[in-house]
Amino acid sequence: MSVSEGPGGLDELKRRKAELRARIRSARDAARDADRARWSREIARRLFGLREILDAATVMAFSSFGSEVDTGPILRRLGADGHSIALPRVEEGRIVAVALGPGVGMRRASFGALEPEAGAPVPPGAIDAVIVPGLVFDRRGFRIGYGGGFYDRFLPLLRADAPRVGICFSLQLVDEVPRGPGDVPVGMVVTQDEVIRCR
């Protein structure tokens, strides 16, 4: 359900998102390490069963941290299969896609994830598919991230035909994500249990 843009509506939206963000993050943190590792492997397996990923020359992914889906195996498989890889770097409140290659160092971003220190920027139009993080997803593709709105500003810059694929554990799926007019959905969500093609 979309929330109105009025001041009260915006405050209510922020409150509902914060509450859901905290609840799902706590549930994800509480899962056993062995379970998260097993689920992450299954998510990677499902991801590489998608033609949208296999056919993409350049894939933007992300470096996971904390209790997120482990993207280490995904990044290694992308590299081994010959895909060009881009990772997000936050600059002045926006995401810049940066090519991941030999000698590109990594630094810890303010919110905890690793991001490239240097590297050549990749124009959004050159990205063939993007793997999107999130704390909460619903089956329509709406998501809640860490609160910065970075992907909501970045995803519209991509080509219309570039798949946006969210990845998360099944426990991060909810019936409906509270959303506002600036929230941008993904087209697919991959969990350890299923591939959801959003409408």
Foldseek 3Di string as FASTA:
>chain_A
DAFDPDPVRVVVLVVQLVVLLVVLVVVLLPDDPVVLQVFLVLLLVVVVVDPLLLVWQEEEEECDDRSWRHCPVVVVVCVVSNHWYWYWDDDPLETWTFTDDPPFDWDADPVGGIHTPDHDTDQLASGQEYEDEASAAELQQWGHHPPSCHCLVVVVRHDPNRAYEYEGAPSRYDHDRHHYPSTDGGQWYGTSVDIRGHD
